Amino acid sequence: MGFVQAGLGLALVDALLPWAQFAGIAVRPLAASPTVPLALLSVRNRPLSQAETRLRDHLRQTCRALPALSA
C-alpha cells in the first residue's frame, strides 16, 4: 500500500483489507467481482483436528458470505 499512498501505482486487494488504516487511499470497487480459488492444505494421512475442522468450517462460511459484503 505504500506505493499506492505515494502515488506510484494501483493495488488489487481483497474486501477484507482494513481500509481505514490507509490514509489517502480511495477504494474503487470493480464492476464485476473476480473469483479466486482457495484451498486449505493439510497433512494427507492425518485427519483434521477439532480446531482445524472449526477453522475450515469458519473459512467456508466466511467465503460464502463475501459476495454479500460487496453488494
PDB file of N, CA and C in Angstrom:
ATOM      1  N   MET A   1       0.816  -1.187   0.000  1.00  0.00           N
ATOM      2  CA  MET A   1       0.000   0.000   0.000  1.00  0.00           C
ATOM      3  C   MET A   1       0.861   1.251   0.000  1.00  0.00           C
ATOM      4  N   GLY A   2       2.111   1.120   0.389  1.00  0.00           N
ATOM      5  CA  GLY A   2       3.000   2.274   0.409  1.00  0.00           C
ATOM      6  C   GLY A   2       3.174   2.903  -0.959  1.00  0.00           C
ATOM      7  N   PHE A   3       3.299   2.063  -2.004  1.00  0.00           N
ATOM      8  CA  PHE A   3       3.432   2.587  -3.366  1.00  0.00           C
ATOM      9  C   PHE A   3       2.175   3.353  -3.777  1.00  0.00           C
ATOM     10  N   VAL A   4       1.016   2.817  -3.413  1.00  0.00           N
ATOM     11  CA  VAL A   4      -0.246   3.485  -3.755  1.00  0.00           C
ATOM     12  C   VAL A   4      -0.333   4.820  -3.017  1.00  0.00           C
ATOM     13  N   GLN A   5      -0.016   4.814  -1.731  1.00  0.00           N
ATOM     14  CA  GLN A   5      -0.068   6.051  -0.948  1.00  0.00           C
ATOM     15  C   GLN A   5       0.902   7.102  -1.495  1.00  0.00           C
ATOM     16  N   ALA A   6       2.011   6.641  -2.085  1.00  0.00           N
ATOM     17  CA  ALA A   6       2.997   7.562  -2.657  1.00  0.00           C
ATOM     18  C   ALA A   6       2.632   7.995  -4.075  1.00  0.00           C
ATOM     19  N   GLY A   7       1.519   7.470  -4.614  1.00  0.00           N
ATOM     20  CA  GLY A   7       1.096   7.835  -5.959  1.00  0.00           C
ATOM     21  C   GLY A   7       1.844   7.099  -7.051  1.00  0.00           C
ATOM     22  N   LEU A   8       2.433   5.939  -6.718  1.00  0.00           N
ATOM     23  CA  LEU A   8       3.249   5.183  -7.666  1.00  0.00           C
ATOM     24  C   LEU A   8       2.538   3.991  -8.276  1.00  0.00           C
ATOM     25  N   GLY A   9       1.235   3.884  -8.135  1.00  0.00           N
ATOM     26  CA  GLY A   9       0.539   2.763  -8.749  1.00  0.00           C
ATOM     27  C   GLY A   9      -0.798   2.475  -8.107  1.00  0.00           C
ATOM     28  N   LEU A  10      -1.329   1.326  -8.492  1.00  0.00           N
ATOM     29  CA  LEU A  10      -2.613   0.831  -8.005  1.00  0.00           C
ATOM     30  C   LEU A  10      -2.381  -0.487  -7.289  1.00  0.00           C
ATOM     31  N   ALA A  11      -3.366  -0.938  -6.550  1.00  0.00           N
ATOM     32  CA  ALA A  11      -3.297  -2.243  -5.904  1.00  0.00           C
ATOM     33  C   ALA A  11      -4.639  -2.939  -6.062  1.00  0.00           C
ATOM     34  N   LEU A  12      -4.594  -4.201  -6.380  1.00  0.00           N
ATOM     35  CA  LEU A  12      -5.787  -5.041  -6.418  1.00  0.00           C
ATOM     36  C   LEU A  12      -5.779  -5.833  -5.118  1.00  0.00           C
ATOM     37  N   VAL A  13      -6.752  -5.575  -4.262  1.00  0.00           N
ATOM     38  CA  VAL A  13      -6.770  -6.171  -2.928  1.00  0.00           C
ATOM     39  C   VAL A  13      -8.134  -6.788  -2.642  1.00  0.00           C
ATOM     40  N   ASP A  14      -8.192  -7.628  -1.621  1.00  0.00           N
ATOM     41  CA  ASP A  14      -9.460  -8.272  -1.276  1.00  0.00           C
ATOM     42  C   ASP A  14     -10.312  -7.366  -0.390  1.00  0.00           C
ATOM     43  N   ALA A  15     -11.547  -7.752  -0.224  1.00  0.00           N
ATOM     44  CA  ALA A  15     -12.509  -6.948   0.538  1.00  0.00           C
ATOM     45  C   ALA A  15     -12.277  -7.013   2.043  1.00  0.00           C
ATOM     46  N   LEU A  16     -11.356  -7.851   2.498  1.00  0.00           N
ATOM     47  CA  LEU A  16     -11.119  -7.990   3.927  1.00  0.00           C
ATOM     48  C   LEU A  16     -10.076  -7.006   4.454  1.00  0.00           C
ATOM     49  N   LEU A  17      -9.442  -6.251   3.576  1.00  0.00           N
ATOM     50  CA  LEU A  17      -8.416  -5.298   3.983  1.00  0.00           C
ATOM     51  C   LEU A  17      -9.033  -4.197   4.844  1.00  0.00           C
ATOM     52  N   PRO A  18      -8.387  -3.837   5.964  1.00  0.00           N
ATOM     53  CA  PRO A  18      -8.932  -2.766   6.821  1.00  0.00           C
ATOM     54  C   PRO A  18      -8.648  -1.394   6.215  1.00  0.00           C
ATOM     55  N   TRP A  19      -9.561  -0.923   5.383  1.00  0.00           N
ATOM     56  CA  TRP A  19      -9.345   0.298   4.599  1.00  0.00           C
ATOM     57  C   TRP A  19      -9.025   1.509   5.459  1.00  0.00           C
ATOM     58  N   ALA A  20      -9.607   1.622   6.622  1.00  0.00           N
ATOM     59  CA  ALA A  20      -9.462   2.820   7.451  1.00  0.00           C
ATOM     60  C   ALA A  20      -8.017   3.088   7.867  1.00  0.00           C
ATOM     61  N   GLN A  21      -7.171   2.070   7.892  1.00  0.00           N
ATOM     62  CA  GLN A  21      -5.797   2.289   8.356  1.00  0.00           C
ATOM     63  C   GLN A  21      -4.902   2.893   7.272  1.00  0.00           C
ATOM     64  N   PHE A  22      -5.386   3.071   6.052  1.00  0.00           N
ATOM     65  CA  PHE A  22      -4.583   3.610   4.962  1.00  0.00           C
ATOM     66  C   PHE A  22      -5.093   4.999   4.580  1.00  0.00           C
ATOM     67  N   ALA A  23      -4.486   6.032   5.139  1.00  0.00           N
ATOM     68  CA  ALA A  23      -4.908   7.408   4.868  1.00  0.00           C
ATOM     69  C   ALA A  23      -4.643   7.775   3.413  1.00  0.00           C
ATOM     70  N   GLY A  24      -5.584   8.496   2.824  1.00  0.00           N
ATOM     71  CA  GLY A  24      -5.399   8.995   1.471  1.00  0.00           C
ATOM     72  C   GLY A  24      -5.640   7.989   0.371  1.00  0.00           C
ATOM     73  N   ILE A  25      -6.192   6.833   0.699  1.00  0.00           N
ATOM     74  CA  ILE A  25      -6.456   5.783  -0.290  1.00  0.00           C
ATOM     75  C   ILE A  25      -7.939   5.814  -0.657  1.00  0.00           C
ATOM     76  N   ALA A  26      -8.230   5.808  -1.952  1.00  0.00           N
ATOM     77  CA  ALA A  26      -9.613   5.729  -2.430  1.00  0.00           C
ATOM     78  C   ALA A  26      -9.925   4.287  -2.791  1.00  0.00           C
ATOM     79  N   VAL A  27     -11.039   3.785  -2.305  1.00  0.00           N
ATOM     80  CA  VAL A  27     -11.482   2.432  -2.616  1.00  0.00           C
ATOM     81  C   VAL A  27     -12.424   2.521  -3.807  1.00  0.00           C
ATOM     82  N   ARG A  28     -12.077   1.828  -4.890  1.00  0.00           N
ATOM     83  CA  ARG A  28     -12.889   1.851  -6.106  1.00  0.00           C
ATOM     84  C   ARG A  28     -13.249   0.403  -6.465  1.00  0.00           C
ATOM     85  N   PRO A  29     -14.453  -0.028  -6.105  1.00  0.00           N
ATOM     86  CA  PRO A  29     -14.862  -1.409  -6.397  1.00  0.00           C
ATOM     87  C   PRO A  29     -14.831  -1.689  -7.897  1.00  0.00           C
ATOM     88  N   LEU A  30     -14.511  -2.922  -8.245  1.00  0.00           N
ATOM     89  CA  LEU A  30     -14.539  -3.354  -9.636  1.00  0.00           C
ATOM     90  C   LEU A  30     -15.985  -3.547 -10.078  1.00  0.00           C
ATOM     91  N   ALA A  31     -16.226  -3.433 -11.367  1.00  0.00           N
ATOM     92  CA  ALA A  31     -17.579  -3.627 -11.900  1.00  0.00           C
ATOM     93  C   ALA A  31     -18.073  -5.041 -11.636  1.00  0.00           C
ATOM     94  N   ALA A  32     -17.189  -6.003 -11.769  1.00  0.00           N
ATOM     95  CA  ALA A  32     -17.532  -7.406 -11.503  1.00  0.00           C
ATOM     96  C   ALA A  32     -16.537  -7.954 -10.487  1.00  0.00           C
ATOM     97  N   SER A  33     -17.022  -8.734  -9.560  1.00  0.00           N
ATOM     98  CA  SER A  33     -16.136  -9.315  -8.558  1.00  0.00           C
ATOM     99  C   SER A  33     -15.362 -10.481  -9.146  1.00  0.00           C
ATOM    100  N   PRO A  34     -14.030 -10.440  -9.060  1.00  0.00           N
ATOM    101  CA  PRO A  34     -13.252 -11.579  -9.547  1.00  0.00           C
ATOM    102  C   PRO A  34     -13.417 -12.763  -8.597  1.00  0.00           C
ATOM    103  N   THR A  35     -13.240 -13.942  -9.106  1.00  0.00           N
ATOM    104  CA  THR A  35     -13.275 -15.130  -8.256  1.00  0.00           C
ATOM    105  C   THR A  35     -11.857 -15.663  -8.114  1.00  0.00           C
ATOM    106  N   VAL A  36     -11.536 -16.097  -6.926  1.00  0.00           N
ATOM    107  CA  VAL A  36     -10.213 -16.625  -6.632  1.00  0.00           C
ATOM    108  C   VAL A  36     -10.394 -17.975  -5.956  1.00  0.00           C
ATOM    109  N   PRO A  37      -9.875 -19.044  -6.562  1.00  0.00           N
ATOM    110  CA  PRO A  37      -9.990 -20.344  -5.902  1.00  0.00           C
ATOM    111  C   PRO A  37      -9.094 -20.387  -4.662  1.00  0.00           C
ATOM    112  N   LEU A  38      -9.623 -20.928  -3.585  1.00  0.00           N
ATOM    113  CA  LEU A  38      -8.875 -21.082  -2.344  1.00  0.00           C
ATOM    114  C   LEU A  38      -8.807 -22.554  -1.981  1.00  0.00           C
ATOM    115  N   ALA A  39      -7.748 -22.918  -1.285  1.00  0.00           N
ATOM    116  CA  ALA A  39      -7.614 -24.299  -0.814  1.00  0.00           C
ATOM    117  C   ALA A  39      -6.998 -24.281   0.579  1.00  0.00           C
ATOM    118  N   LEU A  40      -7.386 -25.217   1.383  1.00  0.00           N
ATOM    119  CA  LEU A  40      -6.820 -25.398   2.710  1.00  0.00           C
ATOM    120  C   LEU A  40      -5.954 -26.645   2.644  1.00  0.00           C
ATOM    121  N   LEU A  41      -4.670 -26.509   2.935  1.00  0.00           N
ATOM    122  CA  LEU A  41      -3.749 -27.643   2.852  1.00  0.00           C
ATOM    123  C   LEU A  41      -3.577 -28.276   4.223  1.00  0.00           C
ATOM    124  N   SER A  42      -3.484 -29.609   4.231  1.00  0.00           N
ATOM    125  CA  SER A  42      -3.250 -30.339   5.477  1.00  0.00           C
ATOM    126  C   SER A  42      -2.451 -31.594   5.155  1.00  0.00           C
ATOM    127  N   VAL A  43      -1.976 -32.241   6.196  1.00  0.00           N
ATOM    128  CA  VAL A  43      -1.233 -33.490   6.026  1.00  0.00           C
ATOM    129  C   VAL A  43      -2.188 -34.550   5.498  1.00  0.00           C
ATOM    130  N   ARG A  44      -1.761 -35.272   4.478  1.00  0.00           N
ATOM    131  CA  ARG A  44      -2.629 -36.221   3.778  1.00  0.00           C
ATOM    132  C   ARG A  44      -3.138 -37.358   4.666  1.00  0.00           C
ATOM    133  N   ASN A  45      -2.273 -37.971   5.439  1.00  0.00           N
ATOM    134  CA  ASN A  45      -2.651 -39.192   6.166  1.00  0.00           C
ATOM    135  C   ASN A  45      -3.036 -38.936   7.619  1.00  0.00           C
ATOM    136  N   ARG A  46      -3.490 -37.727   7.925  1.00  0.00           N
ATOM    137  CA  ARG A  46      -3.903 -37.429   9.286  1.00  0.00           C
ATOM    138  C   ARG A  46      -5.225 -36.677   9.236  1.00  0.00           C
ATOM    139  N   PRO A  47      -6.212 -37.132   9.981  1.00  0.00           N
ATOM    140  CA  PRO A  47      -7.495 -36.417   9.981  1.00  0.00           C
ATOM    141  C   PRO A  47      -7.332 -35.025  10.598  1.00  0.00           C
ATOM    142  N   LEU A  48      -8.207 -34.117  10.219  1.00  0.00           N
ATOM    143  CA  LEU A  48      -8.170 -32.776  10.787  1.00  0.00           C
ATOM    144  C   LEU A  48      -8.491 -32.821  12.276  1.00  0.00           C
ATOM    145  N   SER A  49      -7.789 -32.000  13.043  1.00  0.00           N
ATOM    146  CA  SER A  49      -8.096 -31.885  14.466  1.00  0.00           C
ATOM    147  C   SER A  49      -9.407 -31.119  14.623  1.00  0.00           C
ATOM    148  N   GLN A  50      -9.910 -31.070  15.835  1.00  0.00           N
ATOM    149  CA  GLN A  50     -11.148 -30.330  16.086  1.00  0.00           C
ATOM    150  C   GLN A  50     -10.956 -28.851  15.751  1.00  0.00           C
ATOM    151  N   ALA A  51      -9.813 -28.288  16.120  1.00  0.00           N
ATOM    152  CA  ALA A  51      -9.545 -26.877  15.828  1.00  0.00           C
ATOM    153  C   ALA A  51      -9.431 -26.642  14.325  1.00  0.00           C
ATOM    154  N   GLU A  52      -8.771 -27.550  13.617  1.00  0.00           N
ATOM    155  CA  GLU A  52      -8.633 -27.416  12.164  1.00  0.00           C
ATOM    156  C   GLU A  52      -9.991 -27.526  11.467  1.00  0.00           C
ATOM    157  N   THR A  53     -10.816 -28.428  11.960  1.00  0.00           N
ATOM    158  CA  THR A  53     -12.157 -28.584  11.393  1.00  0.00           C
ATOM    159  C   THR A  53     -12.979 -27.319  11.611  1.00  0.00           C
ATOM    160  N   ARG A  54     -12.886 -26.731  12.808  1.00  0.00           N
ATOM    161  CA  ARG A  54     -13.611 -25.484  13.080  1.00  0.00           C
ATOM    162  C   ARG A  54     -13.096 -24.352  12.200  1.00  0.00           C
ATOM    163  N   LEU A  55     -11.771 -24.286  12.001  1.00  0.00           N
ATOM    164  CA  LEU A  55     -11.204 -23.262  11.129  1.00  0.00           C
ATOM    165  C   LEU A  55     -11.699 -23.443   9.703  1.00  0.00           C
ATOM    166  N   ARG A  56     -11.675 -24.678   9.201  1.00  0.00           N
ATOM    167  CA  ARG A  56     -12.162 -24.960   7.850  1.00  0.00           C
ATOM    168  C   ARG A  56     -13.615 -24.531   7.698  1.00  0.00           C
ATOM    169  N   ASP A  57     -14.438 -24.909   8.665  1.00  0.00           N
ATOM    170  CA  ASP A  57     -15.858 -24.567   8.594  1.00  0.00           C
ATOM    171  C   ASP A  57     -16.068 -23.054   8.645  1.00  0.00           C
ATOM    172  N   HIS A  58     -15.298 -22.374   9.487  1.00  0.00           N
ATOM    173  CA  HIS A  58     -15.410 -20.915   9.587  1.00  0.00           C
ATOM    174  C   HIS A  58     -14.981 -20.252   8.276  1.00  0.00           C
ATOM    175  N   LEU A  59     -13.894 -20.715   7.679  1.00  0.00           N
ATOM    176  CA  LEU A  59     -13.440 -20.159   6.405  1.00  0.00           C
ATOM    177  C   LEU A  59     -14.479 -20.370   5.308  1.00  0.00           C
ATOM    178  N   ARG A  60     -15.064 -21.542   5.272  1.00  0.00           N
ATOM    179  CA  ARG A  60     -16.109 -21.808   4.274  1.00  0.00           C
ATOM    180  C   ARG A  60     -17.281 -20.846   4.444  1.00  0.00           C
ATOM    181  N   GLN A  61     -17.723 -20.685   5.672  1.00  0.00           N
ATOM    182  CA  GLN A  61     -18.858 -19.801   5.952  1.00  0.00           C
ATOM    183  C   GLN A  61     -18.515 -18.356   5.583  1.00  0.00           C
ATOM    184  N   THR A  62     -17.327 -17.914   5.932  1.00  0.00           N
ATOM    185  CA  THR A  62     -16.908 -16.545   5.635  1.00  0.00           C
ATOM    186  C   THR A  62     -16.805 -16.309   4.138  1.00  0.00           C
ATOM    187  N   CYS A  63     -16.227 -17.258   3.418  1.00  0.00           N
ATOM    188  CA  CYS A  63     -16.078 -17.106   1.966  1.00  0.00           C
ATOM    189  C   CYS A  63     -17.435 -17.090   1.269  1.00  0.00           C
ATOM    190  N   ARG A  64     -18.369 -17.872   1.760  1.00  0.00           N
ATOM    191  CA  ARG A  64     -19.712 -17.854   1.166  1.00  0.00           C
ATOM    192  C   ARG A  64     -20.380 -16.500   1.366  1.00  0.00           C
ATOM    193  N   ALA A  65     -20.057 -15.815   2.454  1.00  0.00           N
ATOM    194  CA  ALA A  65     -20.686 -14.530   2.767  1.00  0.00           C
ATOM    195  C   ALA A  65     -20.036 -13.364   2.035  1.00  0.00           C
ATOM    196  N   LEU A  66     -18.854 -13.532   1.480  1.00  0.00           N
ATOM    197  CA  LEU A  66     -18.141 -12.410   0.862  1.00  0.00           C
ATOM    198  C   LEU A  66     -18.912 -11.705  -0.246  1.00  0.00           C
ATOM    199  N   PRO A  67     -19.578 -12.384  -1.172  1.00  0.00           N
ATOM    200  CA  PRO A  67     -20.319 -11.641  -2.204  1.00  0.00           C
ATOM    201  C   PRO A  67     -21.360 -10.705  -1.608  1.00  0.00           C
ATOM    202  N   ALA A  68     -21.933 -11.071  -0.483  1.00  0.00           N
ATOM    203  CA  ALA A  68     -22.928 -10.220   0.163  1.00  0.00           C
ATOM    204  C   ALA A  68     -22.287  -8.932   0.680  1.00  0.00           C
ATOM    205  N   LEU A  69     -20.999  -8.964   1.017  1.00  0.00           N
ATOM    206  CA  LEU A  69     -20.324  -7.774   1.513  1.00  0.00           C
ATOM    207  C   LEU A  69     -20.163  -6.723   0.432  1.00  0.00           C
ATOM    208  N   SER A  70     -20.008  -7.159  -0.813  1.00  0.00           N
ATOM    209  CA  SER A  70     -19.772  -6.201  -1.891  1.00  0.00           C
ATOM    210  C   SER A  70     -21.063  -5.749  -2.565  1.00  0.00           C
ATOM    211  N   ALA A  71     -22.195  -6.310  -2.172  1.00  0.00           N
ATOM    212  CA  ALA A  71     -23.482  -5.955  -2.809  1.00  0.00           C
ATOM    213  C   ALA A  71     -24.010  -4.642  -2.296  1.00  0.00           C
TER     214      ALA A  71
END
